[in-house]
């Protein structure tokens, strides 16, 4: 492979990495905004709106809905942390391996 083709391949790889990082930021911001909106809606909702008020007395333990909600929130938290790790990762971890191409 000649140096021009190698430089083109590296430039395309860097452009794809920049596009991926921008998409990760958008995804992170949208997910955080959705989590904030859902938190706001739950906080201001009437406690007896819809089916939230029980018709009968239930046992004082977690219900299937509580467990499902907890698993969903845990998944959302793990996803947000994973996206934050991707966005904050080193942009160019192996730049030293191709610096020899910049020699005169």
Protein backbone atom coordinates (compact mmCIF):
# COMPACT_ATOMS: atom_id res chain seq x y z
CA UNK A 1 0.00 0.00 0.00
CA UNK A 2 1.44 3.38 -0.95
CA UNK A 3 1.46 6.33 1.43
CA UNK A 4 -1.30 8.23 -0.39
CA UNK A 5 -3.74 5.36 -0.05
CA UNK A 6 -2.72 4.89 3.58
CA UNK A 7 -3.25 8.60 4.30
CA UNK A 8 -6.69 8.45 2.66
CA UNK A 9 -7.61 5.40 4.74
CA UNK A 10 -6.48 7.11 7.94
CA UNK A 11 -8.38 10.29 7.04
CA UNK A 12 -11.56 8.29 6.40
CA UNK A 13 -11.09 6.45 9.69
CA UNK A 14 -10.68 9.74 11.57
CA UNK A 15 -13.75 11.22 9.89
CA UNK A 16 -15.81 8.16 10.88
CA UNK A 17 -14.52 8.45 14.44
CA UNK A 18 -15.55 12.14 14.59
CA UNK A 19 -19.02 11.34 13.24
CA UNK A 20 -19.39 8.53 15.78
CA UNK A 21 -18.33 10.79 18.64
CA UNK A 22 -20.85 13.45 17.54
CA UNK A 23 -23.59 10.81 17.36
CA UNK A 24 -22.63 9.58 20.84
CA UNK A 25 -22.96 13.14 22.22
CA UNK A 26 -26.39 13.53 20.60
CA UNK A 27 -27.52 10.18 21.99
CA UNK A 28 -26.22 11.05 25.45
CA UNK A 29 -27.96 14.43 25.50
CA UNK A 30 -31.24 13.01 24.19
CA UNK A 31 -31.25 10.19 26.74
CA UNK A 32 -30.45 12.54 29.61
CA UNK A 33 -33.20 14.92 28.43
CA UNK A 34 -35.68 12.04 28.27
CA UNK A 35 -34.72 10.92 31.78
CA UNK A 36 -35.15 14.48 33.05
CA UNK A 37 -38.53 14.84 31.34
CA UNK A 38 -39.82 11.55 32.75
CA UNK A 39 -38.61 12.54 36.21
CA UNK A 40 -40.41 15.88 35.90
CA UNK A 41 -43.64 14.24 34.71
CA UNK A 42 -43.60 11.72 37.56
CA UNK A 43 -42.83 14.44 40.12
CA UNK A 44 -45.69 16.74 39.08
CA UNK A 45 -48.27 14.02 38.33
CA UNK A 46 -51.35 13.66 40.48
CA UNK A 47 -50.75 10.65 42.75
CA UNK A 48 -54.13 9.17 41.87
CA UNK A 49 -54.03 9.86 38.13
CA UNK A 50 -54.94 6.95 35.91
CA UNK A 51 -54.29 3.57 37.49
CA UNK A 52 -51.77 4.72 40.10
CA UNK A 53 -54.13 4.55 43.10
CA UNK A 54 -54.69 0.97 44.17
CA UNK A 55 -58.26 -0.20 44.40
CA UNK A 56 -57.43 -2.84 46.99
CA UNK A 57 -54.82 -3.15 49.72
CA UNK A 58 -51.67 -4.85 48.58
CA UNK A 59 -48.95 -6.56 50.52
CA UNK A 60 -46.18 -4.18 51.64
CA UNK A 61 -43.56 -5.68 49.35
CA UNK A 62 -42.36 -4.74 45.88
CA UNK A 63 -44.81 -5.56 43.12
CA UNK A 64 -44.02 -6.74 39.61
CA UNK A 65 -44.42 -3.15 38.40
CA UNK A 66 -41.91 -1.91 40.97
CA UNK A 67 -39.38 -4.55 39.96
CA UNK A 68 -39.87 -3.80 36.27
CA UNK A 69 -39.51 -0.06 36.89
CA UNK A 70 -36.34 -0.66 38.91
CA UNK A 71 -34.81 -2.82 36.18
CA UNK A 72 -35.66 -0.22 33.56
CA UNK A 73 -34.13 2.60 35.61
CA UNK A 74 -31.03 0.51 36.27
CA UNK A 75 -30.70 -0.16 32.53
CA UNK A 76 -31.09 3.54 31.80
CA UNK A 77 -28.40 4.41 34.35
CA UNK A 78 -25.98 1.80 32.97
CA UNK A 79 -26.63 3.03 29.42
CA UNK A 80 -25.98 6.64 30.39
CA UNK A 81 -22.75 5.70 32.16
CA UNK A 82 -21.65 3.62 29.16
CA UNK A 83 -22.37 6.49 26.76
CA UNK A 84 -20.47 8.88 29.03
CA UNK A 85 -17.49 6.50 28.95
CA UNK A 86 -17.61 6.39 25.14
CA UNK A 87 -17.87 10.15 24.80
CA UNK A 88 -15.05 10.83 27.28
CA UNK A 89 -12.68 8.21 25.80
CA UNK A 90 -9.28 9.14 24.41
CA UNK A 91 -9.81 10.57 20.94
CA UNK A 92 -6.60 9.27 19.41
CA UNK A 93 -5.07 6.52 21.52
CA UNK A 94 -2.49 5.27 19.03
CA UNK A 95 -1.32 8.40 17.21
CA UNK A 96 2.36 7.52 17.71
CA UNK A 97 2.04 4.48 15.49
CA UNK A 98 1.56 6.51 12.30
CA UNK A 99 3.53 9.71 13.01
CA UNK A 100 6.35 8.41 10.86
CA UNK A 101 4.19 9.36 7.83
CA UNK A 102 4.65 13.07 8.63
CA UNK A 103 8.43 13.00 8.17
CA UNK A 104 9.77 15.22 5.37
